[in-house]
Amino acid sequence: MCMKVRTRRGREGPPRPVPDCAAMSSHRTADRRYPARATAVVVAAALATAGPAATTALAQPIPTPSVPITQCTVQDDRLTELSGLAADAEFRYAINDGGRRLQVIVLRKDCTVQRVITAAVDPFDVEDLALGSDGRLWLADIGDNDRQRETVALHVLAQNGAPELHRLTYPDGPHDAEALLLDRDGTPYLITKETLGSSGVYRPVGPMATPGPRPLELVTRVRFARTDTPGGPVGAIGSMLVTGGASSADGSVVALRTYTDAYLFAVPAGDLVAALGREPVRVPLPNEPQGEAIAFAPDGTLLSASERRDAGPQPIRAVPGAATLVATSSTATSSGPTAAQPQPAGPSQPGRGSLAGWQAVLIAVLGAAAVIIVISRVVRR
């Protein structure tokens, strides 16, 4: 989803006529009290991330970028806002943005629908999808354009069983997020979508609770530079907005995507936080109208997909062997600029090339104003 202002609110739980799931109903009366306030939120977010910050170098792609290949085109109208993708050896699993019930569309490799996995649970705003090593599907109910949710949620859906609800709370107030990563041990990580600042990476404190809430902790930040890859609904700024995440089948590589590019990080020791501190490989994903979905096939192929917007049915595209690019490109790019810059979870310190606080605030406010104009004209619908 691209900062659309919603008039409808979900409940992170089942429709009211389903009494068996009453324990999963949400706290969310507070979420209905306020009108949409995207403009104020964007400015506030800009100010919150302003101040002294490390400079971010322009990203470099792999030495010989692989051009995504179209595998098939998604025709089903239930996926007009395809925002999350996962894959196993046989099928592709896809979710639509938002919705009034948990629903995963299972696609064959030719993009025809094989079946639908669903549950009578009404989420707030599902944005991403991950496939666990046990075959269960993790639906990331983490979208929050107005940044007013008291909790976010992860719904773990067995392919033939009842869902589990895990509510989570941020330690520093609400965030909008669209990306979910699972590490090798199955621990979930949420990556926020920041208009002008660095993306926060959060994970649960301790074991997951059902239904929770369980507090999250901020473990690191990653900042993305603008790129010249064409695509996305909001111009160059879209190349800095995190819209999806994926982990390889063996957990050795993770990917974060923006509207225009994918960033691949090696995870050789299973430590995802340390991995996000390493230099990634950038794989351009050009000309997707609103690219949000990303996944790894078991053979290391990187898959991507986009919402339709006004462009008609969109393809699932593939970059074969993408997972191997991290290792093969490490020496070639190690001396060049980084594609995404990790930052410590705590307050950043002024460094070489940093802006003075008042300069950063001024730039943030002016940038936020420009973003508001673009988003209001192009994205809101």
Protein backbone atom coordinates (compact mmCIF):
# COMPACT_ATOMS: atom_id res chain seq x y z
CA MET A 1 0.00 0.00 0.00
CA CYS A 2 1.22 3.51 -0.79
CA MET A 3 -0.09 5.82 1.93
CA LYS A 4 -3.71 5.58 0.88
CA VAL A 5 -6.11 7.20 3.32
CA ARG A 6 -8.64 4.60 4.38
CA THR A 7 -12.13 5.39 5.60
CA ARG A 8 -12.75 1.81 6.65
CA ARG A 9 -11.08 0.34 9.70
CA GLY A 10 -10.45 -3.34 10.38
CA ARG A 11 -10.49 -5.00 13.78
CA GLU A 12 -7.44 -7.33 13.91
CA GLY A 13 -10.00 -9.98 14.74
CA PRO A 14 -13.02 -11.82 13.33
CA PRO A 15 -16.27 -10.33 12.09
CA ARG A 16 -18.64 -9.86 15.02
CA PRO A 17 -21.01 -12.68 13.94
CA VAL A 18 -18.27 -15.24 14.68
CA PRO A 19 -18.44 -15.74 18.47
CA ASP A 20 -15.90 -18.57 18.57
CA CYS A 21 -13.09 -16.08 17.94
CA ALA A 22 -14.26 -13.39 20.34
CA ALA A 23 -10.97 -13.54 22.21
CA MET A 24 -9.26 -12.26 19.07
CA SER A 25 -11.28 -9.05 18.89
CA SER A 26 -9.23 -5.89 18.91
CA HIS A 27 -8.70 -3.02 21.28
CA ARG A 28 -9.23 -0.73 18.34
CA THR A 29 -11.99 1.59 19.50
CA ALA A 30 -9.37 4.33 19.69
CA ASP A 31 -8.54 3.83 16.01
CA ARG A 32 -12.03 4.94 15.03
CA ARG A 33 -12.02 8.23 16.94
CA TYR A 34 -9.80 10.21 14.62
CA PRO A 35 -10.24 11.35 11.02
CA ALA A 36 -7.52 10.70 8.44
CA ARG A 37 -4.56 12.96 9.04
CA ALA A 38 -1.90 11.93 6.54
CA THR A 39 -0.56 15.46 6.05
CA ALA A 40 0.22 16.04 9.72
CA VAL A 41 1.66 12.56 10.05
CA VAL A 42 4.12 13.02 7.18
CA VAL A 43 5.39 16.32 8.62
CA ALA A 44 5.65 14.83 12.10
CA ALA A 45 7.55 11.85 10.77
CA ALA A 46 9.94 14.14 8.94
CA LEU A 47 10.65 16.15 12.07
CA ALA A 48 11.05 12.99 14.14
CA THR A 49 13.78 11.67 11.86
CA ALA A 50 15.55 15.01 11.35
CA GLY A 51 18.64 16.12 13.19
CA PRO A 52 22.26 14.98 12.97
CA ALA A 53 22.49 11.87 10.83
CA ALA A 54 25.17 9.91 9.06
CA THR A 55 25.42 10.59 5.37
CA THR A 56 24.03 7.96 3.02
CA ALA A 57 26.00 7.08 -0.09
CA LEU A 58 24.31 6.51 -3.42
CA ALA A 59 23.61 2.85 -4.02
CA GLN A 60 25.52 0.78 -6.54
CA PRO A 61 23.83 -2.14 -8.29
CA ILE A 62 25.52 -5.43 -9.01
CA PRO A 63 28.24 -5.06 -11.66
CA THR A 64 26.04 -6.53 -14.40
CA PRO A 65 22.43 -6.03 -13.30
CA SER A 66 20.14 -8.92 -14.07
CA VAL A 67 17.03 -7.84 -15.93
CA PRO A 68 13.86 -9.24 -14.29
CA ILE A 69 12.15 -11.80 -16.49
CA THR A 70 8.37 -12.03 -16.66
CA GLN A 71 7.19 -15.43 -15.44
CA CYS A 72 3.45 -14.92 -15.75
CA THR A 73 0.78 -12.24 -15.39
CA VAL A 74 -1.65 -12.10 -12.47
CA GLN A 75 -5.16 -11.79 -13.92
CA ASP A 76 -7.26 -12.51 -10.82
CA ASP A 77 -9.16 -9.43 -9.64
CA ARG A 78 -8.68 -10.46 -6.01
CA LEU A 79 -5.04 -9.43 -6.42
CA THR A 80 -5.40 -5.98 -7.93
CA GLU A 81 -3.45 -4.63 -4.94
CA LEU A 82 -0.95 -7.46 -4.62
CA SER A 83 1.33 -6.45 -1.76
CA GLY A 84 2.84 -9.65 -0.34
CA LEU A 85 4.37 -12.73 -1.93
CA ALA A 86 5.93 -16.02 -0.79
CA ALA A 87 6.97 -19.13 -2.68
CA ASP A 88 7.79 -22.80 -2.33
CA ALA A 89 8.92 -25.26 -4.97
CA GLU A 90 5.43 -25.64 -6.43
CA PHE A 91 3.32 -22.55 -5.71
CA ARG A 92 3.32 -18.79 -5.23
CA TYR A 93 1.36 -17.42 -2.28
CA ALA A 94 -0.05 -13.91 -2.69
CA ILE A 95 -2.05 -11.47 -0.59
CA ASN A 96 -4.02 -8.40 -1.51
CA ASP A 97 -3.52 -5.18 0.38
CA GLY A 98 -5.94 -4.78 3.32
CA GLY A 99 -9.16 -6.74 3.08
CA ARG A 100 -11.94 -7.79 5.48
CA ARG A 101 -10.69 -11.32 6.12
CA LEU A 102 -7.42 -13.19 6.05
CA GLN A 103 -6.99 -14.48 2.52
CA VAL A 104 -4.03 -16.00 0.71
CA ILE A 105 -4.36 -16.74 -3.00
CA VAL A 106 -2.34 -19.79 -4.01
CA LEU A 107 -1.03 -19.44 -7.56
CA ARG A 108 0.49 -21.97 -9.87
CA LYS A 109 3.67 -20.97 -11.69
CA ASP A 110 1.56 -19.77 -14.62
CA CYS A 111 -0.33 -17.39 -12.26
CA THR A 112 -3.59 -19.32 -12.42
CA VAL A 113 -5.34 -19.79 -9.08
CA GLN A 114 -4.91 -23.22 -7.52
CA ARG A 115 -6.90 -22.52 -4.33
CA VAL A 116 -7.60 -19.93 -1.65
CA ILE A 117 -6.58 -20.19 2.01
CA THR A 118 -8.78 -18.06 4.23
CA ALA A 119 -9.92 -17.51 7.80
CA ALA A 120 -12.84 -15.61 9.36
CA VAL A 121 -10.60 -12.92 10.86
CA ASP A 122 -11.01 -9.24 9.99
CA PRO A 123 -7.54 -7.61 9.94
CA PHE A 124 -6.70 -3.92 10.01
CA ASP A 125 -4.23 -3.64 7.12
CA VAL A 126 -2.27 -6.69 5.95
CA GLU A 127 0.82 -5.60 4.02
CA ASP A 128 3.32 -8.45 3.69
CA LEU A 129 3.55 -12.23 3.69
CA ALA A 130 6.22 -14.74 4.72
CA LEU A 131 6.39 -18.52 4.52
CA GLY A 132 7.80 -20.22 7.61
CA SER A 133 10.03 -23.27 7.49
CA ASP A 134 7.10 -25.30 8.85
CA GLY A 135 4.89 -24.29 5.93
CA ARG A 136 2.76 -21.83 7.89
CA LEU A 137 2.00 -18.43 6.39
CA TRP A 138 2.75 -15.24 8.32
CA LEU A 139 0.47 -12.36 7.39
CA ALA A 140 1.85 -9.01 8.52
CA ASP A 141 -1.06 -6.84 9.66
CA ILE A 142 1.24 -3.85 10.18
CA GLY A 143 0.01 -1.05 7.93
CA ASP A 144 -0.75 2.21 9.75
CA ASN A 145 -0.81 5.23 7.44
CA ASP A 146 -2.08 7.60 10.12
CA ARG A 147 0.25 6.16 12.77
CA GLN A 148 -2.43 5.79 15.41
CA ARG A 149 -2.66 2.03 16.06
CA GLU A 150 -2.05 0.93 19.63
CA THR A 151 -0.93 -2.50 18.42
CA VAL A 152 -0.03 -4.19 15.17
CA ALA A 153 -0.49 -7.90 14.53
CA LEU A 154 0.96 -10.99 12.93
CA HIS A 155 -1.51 -13.68 11.88
CA VAL A 156 0.05 -17.13 11.46
CA LEU A 157 -2.12 -19.19 9.18
CA ALA A 158 -1.73 -22.93 8.75
CA GLN A 159 -2.61 -24.09 5.27
CA ASN A 160 -5.39 -26.29 6.68
CA GLY A 161 -5.97 -25.02 10.21
CA ALA A 162 -7.00 -22.16 12.48
CA PRO A 163 -4.94 -18.95 12.57
CA GLU A 164 -2.88 -17.68 15.50
CA LEU A 165 -2.97 -14.00 16.45
CA HIS A 166 0.11 -12.25 17.84
CA ARG A 167 -0.35 -8.60 18.79
CA LEU A 168 2.75 -6.43 19.08
CA THR A 169 3.48 -2.94 20.42
CA TYR A 170 6.24 -0.56 19.39
CA PRO A 171 8.37 0.89 22.20
CA ASP A 172 8.39 4.39 20.69
CA GLY A 173 4.86 4.95 19.41
CA PRO A 174 3.02 3.87 16.26
CA HIS A 175 4.80 3.33 12.92
CA ASP A 176 3.67 2.55 9.41
CA ALA A 177 5.32 -0.62 8.10
CA GLU A 178 5.00 -2.86 5.06
CA ALA A 179 7.88 -5.34 5.38
CA LEU A 180 8.26 -8.58 7.34
CA LEU A 181 11.36 -10.76 7.62
CA LEU A 182 11.70 -14.15 9.31
CA ASP A 183 15.15 -15.19 10.45
CA ARG A 184 16.48 -18.75 10.40
CA ASP A 185 14.88 -19.50 13.78
CA GLY A 186 11.49 -18.12 12.76
CA THR A 187 11.78 -14.85 14.71
CA PRO A 188 9.82 -12.07 12.96
CA TYR A 189 11.27 -8.63 12.22
CA LEU A 190 9.19 -5.62 11.20
CA ILE A 191 10.78 -2.92 9.05
CA THR A 192 9.11 0.48 9.06
CA LYS A 193 8.35 2.65 6.06
CA GLU A 194 9.84 6.09 6.68
CA THR A 195 9.23 8.95 4.26
CA LEU A 196 12.41 10.91 4.98
CA GLY A 197 14.23 9.04 7.73
CA SER A 198 15.89 5.69 8.26
CA SER A 199 13.79 2.54 8.51
CA GLY A 200 13.58 1.00 11.95
CA VAL A 201 14.01 -2.76 12.39
CA TYR A 202 11.97 -4.17 15.28
CA ARG A 203 11.62 -7.67 16.75
CA PRO A 204 9.56 -9.10 19.64
CA VAL A 205 11.04 -9.08 23.13
CA GLY A 206 11.06 -12.72 24.21
CA PRO A 207 8.84 -15.51 22.89
CA MET A 208 5.74 -14.72 20.85
CA ALA A 209 2.49 -14.50 22.83
CA THR A 210 -1.02 -15.47 21.74
CA PRO A 211 -2.82 -13.14 21.45
CA GLY A 212 -0.44 -10.79 23.28
CA PRO A 213 0.40 -8.00 23.11
CA ARG A 214 4.12 -8.58 23.18
CA PRO A 215 6.47 -5.55 23.17
CA LEU A 216 8.84 -4.97 20.27
CA GLU A 217 12.38 -3.66 20.54
CA LEU A 218 14.29 -1.52 18.07
CA VAL A 219 17.41 -3.47 17.10
CA THR A 220 18.88 -1.43 14.23
CA ARG A 221 18.09 1.04 11.47
CA VAL A 222 18.76 0.98 7.74
CA ARG A 223 18.80 4.10 5.54
CA PHE A 224 18.34 3.92 1.78
CA ALA A 225 19.62 6.43 -0.76
CA ARG A 226 17.70 7.58 -3.79
CA THR A 227 18.34 5.67 -6.99
CA ASP A 228 17.62 6.38 -10.65
CA THR A 229 15.62 3.18 -11.17
CA PRO A 230 12.33 4.15 -12.85
CA GLY A 231 8.99 3.14 -11.40
CA GLY A 232 6.80 3.58 -8.37
CA PRO A 233 3.95 6.01 -7.69
CA VAL A 234 5.85 8.91 -6.05
CA GLY A 235 8.96 9.47 -8.14
CA ALA A 236 12.51 9.24 -6.84
CA ILE A 237 11.48 9.30 -3.19
CA GLY A 238 9.88 5.90 -3.73
CA SER A 239 13.35 4.40 -4.06
CA MET A 240 13.86 5.06 -0.33
CA LEU A 241 10.56 3.65 0.97
CA VAL A 242 10.64 0.04 2.20
CA THR A 243 7.62 -1.84 0.86
CA GLY A 244 8.41 -5.52 1.37
CA GLY A 245 10.80 -8.14 2.70
CA ALA A 246 11.77 -11.75 2.02
CA SER A 247 14.06 -14.48 3.34
CA SER A 248 15.63 -17.27 1.33
CA ALA A 249 14.55 -20.82 2.09
CA ASP A 250 17.72 -21.59 4.07
CA GLY A 251 17.82 -18.18 5.75
CA SER A 252 21.24 -17.33 4.29
CA VAL A 253 20.00 -14.26 2.39
CA VAL A 254 17.32 -11.68 3.16
CA ALA A 255 15.95 -8.97 0.91
CA LEU A 256 14.30 -5.63 1.51
CA ARG A 257 12.64 -3.88 -1.36
CA THR A 258 11.54 -0.34 -2.16
CA TYR A 259 9.18 0.66 -4.94
CA THR A 260 12.08 0.43 -7.40
CA ASP A 261 14.91 -1.77 -6.09
CA ALA A 262 15.70 -4.86 -4.02
CA TYR A 263 18.56 -4.99 -1.50
CA LEU A 264 20.06 -8.39 -0.73
CA PHE A 265 21.95 -9.01 2.52
CA ALA A 266 24.03 -12.09 3.30
CA VAL A 267 23.19 -13.82 6.61
CA PRO A 268 26.00 -16.38 6.89
CA ALA A 269 25.73 -16.99 10.64
CA GLY A 270 21.97 -16.67 11.00
CA ASP A 271 22.28 -13.25 12.69
CA LEU A 272 19.82 -11.05 10.84
CA VAL A 273 20.67 -7.89 12.79
CA ALA A 274 24.36 -8.28 11.94
CA ALA A 275 23.42 -9.02 8.33
CA LEU A 276 21.64 -5.69 7.99
CA GLY A 277 24.91 -4.05 9.04
CA ARG A 278 26.74 -5.55 6.05
CA GLU A 279 26.96 -4.13 2.58
CA PRO A 280 24.02 -5.32 0.48
CA VAL A 281 23.68 -5.90 -3.23
CA ARG A 282 21.13 -3.76 -5.03
CA VAL A 283 19.05 -5.42 -7.73
CA PRO A 284 17.03 -2.89 -9.77
CA LEU A 285 13.36 -3.77 -10.31
CA PRO A 286 12.43 -1.12 -12.87
CA ASN A 287 9.06 0.00 -14.17
CA GLU A 288 6.77 -1.53 -11.58
CA PRO A 289 3.86 0.89 -11.06
CA GLN A 290 3.66 0.18 -7.31
CA GLY A 291 6.10 -2.58 -6.45
CA GLU A 292 5.49 -3.99 -2.99
CA ALA A 293 5.75 -7.79 -3.20
CA ILE A 294 8.99 -9.74 -3.06
CA ALA A 295 9.94 -13.37 -2.36
CA PHE A 296 12.65 -15.97 -2.84
CA ALA A 297 11.92 -19.26 -4.58
CA PRO A 298 13.72 -22.26 -3.02
CA ASP A 299 16.36 -22.20 -5.78
CA GLY A 300 17.36 -18.62 -4.93
CA THR A 301 15.35 -16.91 -7.65
CA LEU A 302 14.11 -13.49 -6.56
CA LEU A 303 10.44 -12.87 -7.36
CA SER A 304 8.75 -9.47 -7.43
CA ALA A 305 5.27 -8.16 -8.17
CA SER A 306 3.33 -4.90 -8.14
CA GLU A 307 -0.10 -3.53 -7.44
CA ARG A 308 -1.94 -2.70 -10.64
CA ARG A 309 -2.78 0.95 -9.97
CA ASP A 310 -4.02 2.09 -13.40
CA ALA A 311 -1.66 -0.07 -15.42
CA GLY A 312 -3.77 -3.21 -15.77
CA PRO A 313 -2.77 -6.77 -14.79
CA GLN A 314 0.82 -7.00 -13.60
CA PRO A 315 3.38 -9.80 -13.96
CA ILE A 316 5.30 -11.77 -11.41
CA ARG A 317 8.91 -11.21 -12.46
CA ALA A 318 12.00 -13.24 -11.64
CA VAL A 319 15.73 -12.64 -11.25
CA PRO A 320 17.19 -16.18 -11.47
CA GLY A 321 20.04 -16.96 -9.08
CA ALA A 322 19.68 -13.67 -7.23
CA ALA A 323 20.59 -15.22 -3.87
CA THR A 324 24.03 -16.12 -5.22
CA LEU A 325 24.70 -12.53 -6.27
CA VAL A 326 25.41 -11.53 -2.68
CA ALA A 327 28.46 -13.78 -2.45
CA THR A 328 29.69 -13.31 -6.02
CA SER A 329 29.41 -9.51 -5.88
CA SER A 330 30.89 -8.92 -2.42
CA THR A 331 34.45 -8.37 -3.60
CA ALA A 332 33.37 -6.36 -6.63
CA THR A 333 31.41 -3.83 -4.58
CA SER A 334 33.23 -3.85 -1.26
CA SER A 335 35.22 -0.71 -2.03
CA GLY A 336 32.35 1.22 -3.57
CA PRO A 337 29.44 3.13 -2.03
CA THR A 338 26.95 1.10 -0.07
CA ALA A 339 23.41 0.50 -1.27
CA ALA A 340 21.82 0.88 2.12
CA GLN A 341 23.48 2.19 5.25
CA PRO A 342 22.90 0.52 8.62
CA GLN A 343 22.66 2.73 11.67
CA PRO A 344 22.73 1.98 15.40
CA ALA A 345 19.40 1.69 17.15
CA GLY A 346 20.25 4.51 19.52
CA PRO A 347 20.54 8.25 18.76
CA SER A 348 22.89 8.92 15.88
CA GLN A 349 25.98 11.03 16.40
CA PRO A 350 27.18 13.86 14.17
CA GLY A 351 29.73 12.59 11.71
CA ARG A 352 31.65 13.70 8.72
CA GLY A 353 29.24 15.10 6.19
CA SER A 354 26.37 15.36 8.69
CA LEU A 355 23.98 18.29 8.62
CA ALA A 356 23.49 20.66 11.48
CA GLY A 357 20.25 20.04 13.35
CA TRP A 358 18.43 23.13 12.09
CA GLN A 359 19.48 22.38 8.50
CA ALA A 360 18.17 18.84 8.71
CA VAL A 361 14.88 20.03 10.19
CA LEU A 362 14.45 22.63 7.44
CA ILE A 363 15.22 20.09 4.72
CA ALA A 364 12.87 17.58 6.34
CA VAL A 365 9.98 20.06 6.48
CA LEU A 366 10.48 21.21 2.89
CA GLY A 367 10.81 17.64 1.72
CA ALA A 368 7.71 16.62 3.64
CA ALA A 369 5.71 19.40 2.01
CA ALA A 370 6.78 18.19 -1.42
CA VAL A 371 5.93 14.61 -0.53
CA ILE A 372 2.49 15.62 0.71
CA ILE A 373 1.70 17.35 -2.57
CA VAL A 374 2.87 14.39 -4.65
CA ILE A 375 1.14 11.80 -2.50
CA SER A 376 -2.13 13.71 -2.35
CA ARG A 377 -2.24 13.97 -6.14
CA VAL A 378 -0.84 10.62 -7.19
CA VAL A 379 -1.36 8.06 -4.47
CA ARG A 380 -4.53 8.76 -2.54
CA ARG A 381 -7.48 6.98 -3.99
